[in-house]
Amino acid sequence: MVRLITSIPSKVFARMKRRWVRSANKLDAWVRFYHDLQTLKGQLGPDNALFPFGKLYPCLNDRFSESGTGKGAYFHQDLLVARRVHSNQPTVHLDVGSRVDGFVAHVASFRPIQVIDVRPLSNNIANVTFFQMDLMGEIAGQWIGCCDSLSCLHALEHFGLGRYGDAVLWNGHLIGLENLRKLLKRDGKLYFSVPIGPQRIEFNAHRVFCLEYLLELFHGKFAIDRFSFVDDEGDLHEDVDLTDQSVETNFGCTYGCGIFELTKL
């Protein structure tokens, strides 16, 4: 006797439903595209030569998307730390390795910023002074205590993994953090972010740090003024307390982003 399958497992059904919704949306988008095209052509008048039709360039998904994305580690950290720099009004702000098209651009919109990166930067950008330097190397004397405000956002986790042409060094993050400390004047501010979660190396993309380890690295070298984090869903939690339980669990993050505002001791 053959037993008929009368039910579909929930995971399979959910996957089928998602595919059906995507297919339905795609079909609807094409129908709307051709409807709108015919509507526009029907509106042509004597001045239509000003804008002759070129090739068709369908943008089918935009009608289903939101106006922008206000989520994710880079979005939140860049905006949050730029606000803090603006609020604190340092004399000299120096950045190491953060996104030029994100955080650096935010800060450059209202003040000068100096930037260090192991990679070259070929563009000239207003308010940005660029220096190519490997922060795992020896720091020249003129750089010691050169700034009262310093940022390193989503960058230190890459040090020593060779991803950006740097040397492969197991302790590259430790060398980098010590050199960050050397760049900063006493009582200066360090804005620092890295991925947080169960500690590991995902070679050669990045390290992920547990909060307990980070707090040990800061002990006796930096005071923690503020801590915020972006969770695994990309949402920001600003100015939260570092309780024993939250540190132990990394605020429930597997691959979140911890954002520290520190003062050099």
Protein backbone atom coordinates (compact mmCIF):
# COMPACT_ATOMS: atom_id res chain seq x y z
CA MET A 1 0.00 0.00 0.00
CA VAL A 2 1.36 3.39 -0.96
CA ARG A 3 1.10 6.08 1.72
CA LEU A 4 0.24 9.48 0.30
CA ILE A 5 2.16 12.49 1.64
CA THR A 6 -0.53 14.85 2.87
CA SER A 7 1.62 17.45 4.66
CA ILE A 8 4.71 19.46 3.83
CA PRO A 9 7.41 20.04 6.48
CA SER A 10 7.23 23.61 7.82
CA LYS A 11 10.77 24.54 6.68
CA VAL A 12 10.08 23.31 3.16
CA PHE A 13 6.75 25.13 3.09
CA ALA A 14 8.36 28.37 4.29
CA ARG A 15 11.02 28.11 1.57
CA MET A 16 8.36 27.45 -1.07
CA LYS A 17 6.35 30.42 0.17
CA ARG A 18 9.35 32.77 -0.04
CA ARG A 19 10.05 31.64 -3.60
CA TRP A 20 6.42 32.09 -4.57
CA VAL A 21 6.32 35.60 -3.11
CA ARG A 22 9.53 36.55 -4.95
CA SER A 23 8.14 35.13 -8.22
CA ALA A 24 4.82 36.93 -7.76
CA ASN A 25 6.59 40.21 -7.01
CA LYS A 26 8.82 39.77 -10.06
CA LEU A 27 5.85 39.11 -12.34
CA ASP A 28 4.00 42.09 -10.89
CA ALA A 29 7.06 44.27 -11.38
CA TRP A 30 7.29 43.37 -15.09
CA VAL A 31 3.58 44.02 -15.60
CA ARG A 32 3.90 47.42 -13.91
CA PHE A 33 7.05 48.21 -15.89
CA TYR A 34 5.35 47.70 -19.26
CA HIS A 35 2.18 49.46 -18.09
CA ASP A 36 4.21 52.50 -16.98
CA LEU A 37 6.23 52.44 -20.22
CA GLN A 38 3.06 52.55 -22.33
CA THR A 39 1.63 55.30 -20.10
CA LEU A 40 4.74 57.42 -20.60
CA LYS A 41 4.77 56.83 -24.36
CA GLY A 42 1.12 57.81 -24.49
CA GLN A 43 2.02 61.18 -22.99
CA LEU A 44 4.50 62.09 -25.73
CA GLY A 45 3.88 65.45 -27.35
CA PRO A 46 5.61 67.84 -29.76
CA ASP A 47 8.55 68.33 -27.37
CA ASN A 48 9.36 64.61 -27.02
CA ALA A 49 12.57 65.10 -29.05
CA LEU A 50 14.11 66.70 -25.96
CA PHE A 51 14.26 63.26 -24.34
CA PRO A 52 14.38 60.50 -26.96
CA PHE A 53 14.08 56.95 -25.64
CA GLY A 54 17.35 55.08 -25.20
CA LYS A 55 17.69 51.42 -24.34
CA LEU A 56 15.32 50.02 -21.74
CA TYR A 57 16.84 49.92 -18.24
CA PRO A 58 14.36 48.05 -15.99
CA CYS A 59 14.72 48.69 -12.24
CA LEU A 60 12.22 46.15 -11.01
CA ASN A 61 13.01 45.80 -7.31
CA ASP A 62 13.10 49.44 -6.25
CA ARG A 63 9.34 49.72 -5.82
CA PHE A 64 9.51 47.01 -3.15
CA SER A 65 12.48 48.51 -1.24
CA GLU A 66 12.62 51.14 1.49
CA SER A 67 14.08 54.61 1.02
CA GLY A 68 17.41 53.55 2.52
CA THR A 69 19.11 51.26 5.01
CA GLY A 70 19.48 52.60 8.53
CA LYS A 71 20.95 49.39 9.91
CA GLY A 72 24.26 47.60 10.22
CA ALA A 73 27.55 48.04 12.04
CA TYR A 74 29.16 50.47 9.63
CA PHE A 75 26.11 52.70 9.32
CA HIS A 76 25.64 53.06 13.08
CA GLN A 77 29.28 53.26 14.17
CA ASP A 78 30.21 55.84 11.52
CA LEU A 79 27.33 58.12 12.42
CA LEU A 80 27.63 57.65 16.19
CA VAL A 81 31.36 58.31 16.40
CA ALA A 82 31.19 61.26 13.99
CA ARG A 83 28.60 62.81 16.33
CA ARG A 84 30.87 62.24 19.29
CA VAL A 85 33.85 63.86 17.55
CA HIS A 86 31.67 66.84 16.67
CA SER A 87 30.49 67.10 20.28
CA ASN A 88 33.96 66.80 21.83
CA GLN A 89 35.65 69.26 19.42
CA PRO A 90 39.24 67.92 19.63
CA THR A 91 42.26 69.91 18.48
CA VAL A 92 43.59 67.15 16.20
CA HIS A 93 41.57 64.13 15.11
CA LEU A 94 43.44 61.22 13.55
CA ASP A 95 41.85 58.11 12.06
CA VAL A 96 43.42 54.71 11.45
CA GLY A 97 41.88 52.40 8.89
CA SER A 98 38.21 53.42 9.05
CA ARG A 99 36.05 53.72 5.95
CA VAL A 100 36.91 56.77 3.86
CA ASP A 101 33.47 56.68 2.21
CA GLY A 102 31.77 56.43 5.60
CA PHE A 103 33.17 57.72 8.87
CA VAL A 104 36.01 59.79 7.37
CA ALA A 105 33.60 61.50 4.98
CA HIS A 106 31.20 62.28 7.84
CA VAL A 107 33.93 63.97 9.87
CA ALA A 108 35.46 65.76 6.87
CA SER A 109 32.09 67.42 6.26
CA PHE A 110 32.56 69.58 9.38
CA ARG A 111 36.28 69.58 10.28
CA PRO A 112 39.79 68.56 9.15
CA ILE A 113 40.78 64.94 9.74
CA GLN A 114 44.09 63.12 9.30
CA VAL A 115 43.96 59.53 8.04
CA ILE A 116 46.45 56.65 8.27
CA ASP A 117 46.00 53.44 6.27
CA VAL A 118 48.28 50.63 5.09
CA ARG A 119 46.68 50.98 1.66
CA PRO A 120 47.19 53.97 -0.64
CA LEU A 121 44.55 56.62 -1.27
CA SER A 122 44.74 58.15 -4.72
CA ASN A 123 42.00 60.75 -4.32
CA ASN A 124 42.42 64.26 -2.95
CA ILE A 125 39.57 64.97 -0.54
CA ALA A 126 38.80 68.30 1.08
CA ASN A 127 39.57 68.37 4.82
CA VAL A 128 41.36 64.97 4.61
CA THR A 129 45.14 64.68 5.00
CA PHE A 130 46.27 61.15 4.18
CA PHE A 131 49.39 59.21 5.27
CA GLN A 132 50.17 55.68 4.10
CA MET A 133 51.64 53.79 7.04
CA ASP A 134 51.69 50.27 8.46
CA LEU A 135 50.62 50.56 12.09
CA MET A 136 52.20 47.20 12.88
CA GLY A 137 55.60 48.77 12.21
CA GLU A 138 57.77 51.07 14.29
CA ILE A 139 56.13 54.42 15.06
CA ALA A 140 58.38 57.37 14.19
CA GLY A 141 59.02 59.89 16.93
CA GLN A 142 56.97 62.70 15.42
CA TRP A 143 53.86 60.53 15.63
CA ILE A 144 54.13 59.83 19.35
CA GLY A 145 51.38 61.74 21.16
CA CYS A 146 50.44 63.54 17.94
CA CYS A 147 46.68 63.81 18.56
CA ASP A 148 44.14 64.30 21.30
CA SER A 149 41.44 62.35 19.44
CA LEU A 150 41.85 59.06 17.57
CA SER A 151 39.51 56.63 15.83
CA CYS A 152 39.95 53.07 14.61
CA LEU A 153 36.60 51.66 13.51
CA HIS A 154 36.19 48.09 12.31
CA ALA A 155 39.88 47.96 11.41
CA LEU A 156 42.01 46.39 14.16
CA GLU A 157 40.42 42.97 13.60
CA HIS A 158 42.25 42.80 10.24
CA PHE A 159 45.75 43.56 11.54
CA GLY A 160 48.17 40.71 10.89
CA LEU A 161 45.92 38.58 8.68
CA GLY A 162 47.42 39.66 5.35
CA ARG A 163 44.08 40.64 3.86
CA TYR A 164 45.20 44.15 2.93
CA GLY A 165 48.80 43.38 2.04
CA ASP A 166 50.02 43.63 5.63
CA ALA A 167 52.35 41.08 7.21
CA VAL A 168 50.83 37.93 8.67
CA LEU A 169 51.31 38.22 12.44
CA TRP A 170 49.39 36.26 15.06
CA ASN A 171 49.67 39.19 17.50
CA GLY A 172 49.09 41.93 14.92
CA HIS A 173 46.09 43.26 16.82
CA LEU A 174 48.18 43.65 19.98
CA ILE A 175 50.92 45.55 18.14
CA GLY A 176 48.29 47.71 16.49
CA LEU A 177 46.51 48.54 19.75
CA GLU A 178 49.79 49.51 21.44
CA ASN A 179 50.68 51.75 18.52
CA LEU A 180 47.25 53.38 18.71
CA ARG A 181 48.00 54.15 22.34
CA LYS A 182 51.34 55.69 21.36
CA LEU A 183 49.68 58.01 18.82
CA LEU A 184 47.34 59.41 21.45
CA LYS A 185 48.16 62.06 24.03
CA ARG A 186 47.51 61.35 27.68
CA ASP A 187 43.81 61.92 28.49
CA GLY A 188 43.06 61.79 24.75
CA LYS A 189 39.99 60.04 23.35
CA LEU A 190 40.08 56.77 21.42
CA TYR A 191 36.97 55.75 19.47
CA PHE A 192 37.36 52.05 18.83
CA SER A 193 35.18 49.35 17.33
CA VAL A 194 35.65 45.68 16.42
CA PRO A 195 33.40 42.67 15.82
CA ILE A 196 32.20 41.05 19.05
CA GLY A 197 31.01 37.53 19.79
CA PRO A 198 32.59 34.17 20.61
CA GLN A 199 36.31 34.80 20.09
CA ARG A 200 37.78 33.40 16.87
CA ILE A 201 39.73 34.09 13.67
CA GLU A 202 37.83 33.77 10.39
CA PHE A 203 40.89 33.78 8.13
CA ASN A 204 41.68 35.91 6.33
CA ALA A 205 38.71 38.21 6.77
CA HIS A 206 38.89 39.22 10.43
CA ARG A 207 39.07 38.38 14.10
CA VAL A 208 36.03 38.42 16.34
CA PHE A 209 36.68 39.48 19.94
CA CYS A 210 34.88 38.53 23.11
CA LEU A 211 34.22 41.45 25.45
CA GLU A 212 36.06 39.85 28.37
CA TYR A 213 39.26 39.76 26.33
CA LEU A 214 38.85 43.36 25.18
CA LEU A 215 38.35 44.58 28.74
CA GLU A 216 41.56 42.82 29.75
CA LEU A 217 43.42 44.59 26.92
CA PHE A 218 42.12 47.99 28.06
CA HIS A 219 42.82 47.45 31.75
CA GLY A 220 45.37 49.95 33.10
CA LYS A 221 45.72 51.60 29.67
CA PHE A 222 42.32 53.08 28.88
CA ALA A 223 39.28 54.12 30.88
CA ILE A 224 35.93 53.17 29.29
CA ASP A 225 33.75 56.27 29.03
CA ARG A 226 30.94 54.86 26.89
CA PHE A 227 30.03 51.55 25.31
CA SER A 228 27.50 50.92 22.56
CA PHE A 229 26.98 47.93 20.32
CA VAL A 230 25.27 46.86 17.13
CA ASP A 231 23.57 43.49 17.49
CA ASP A 232 23.43 40.62 15.00
CA GLU A 233 20.29 42.12 13.43
CA GLY A 234 22.09 45.40 12.68
CA ASP A 235 20.36 47.51 15.34
CA LEU A 236 22.19 50.00 17.59
CA HIS A 237 22.11 49.87 21.40
CA GLU A 238 23.65 53.13 22.61
CA ASP A 239 25.35 53.81 25.97
CA VAL A 240 24.69 50.46 27.64
CA ASP A 241 26.18 49.15 30.88
CA LEU A 242 28.89 46.53 30.76
CA THR A 243 27.48 44.18 33.40
CA ASP A 244 29.16 40.88 34.25
CA GLN A 245 26.39 38.92 32.53
CA SER A 246 26.39 41.04 29.37
CA VAL A 247 30.16 40.78 29.10
CA GLU A 248 30.05 37.02 29.58
CA THR A 249 27.42 36.62 26.85
CA ASN A 250 28.74 39.37 24.53
CA PHE A 251 25.23 40.86 24.68
CA GLY A 252 24.01 37.79 22.80
CA CYS A 253 26.07 38.65 19.72
CA THR A 254 27.62 36.08 17.40
CA TYR A 255 28.95 38.72 15.02
CA GLY A 256 28.03 42.11 16.45
CA CYS A 257 30.02 45.31 16.71
CA GLY A 258 31.32 46.75 19.97
CA ILE A 259 31.85 50.54 19.95
CA PHE A 260 34.02 51.99 22.70
CA GLU A 261 34.77 55.56 23.66
CA LEU A 262 37.97 55.38 25.70
CA THR A 263 40.29 57.80 27.49
CA LYS A 264 44.02 57.11 27.58
CA LEU A 265 45.36 56.74 31.12
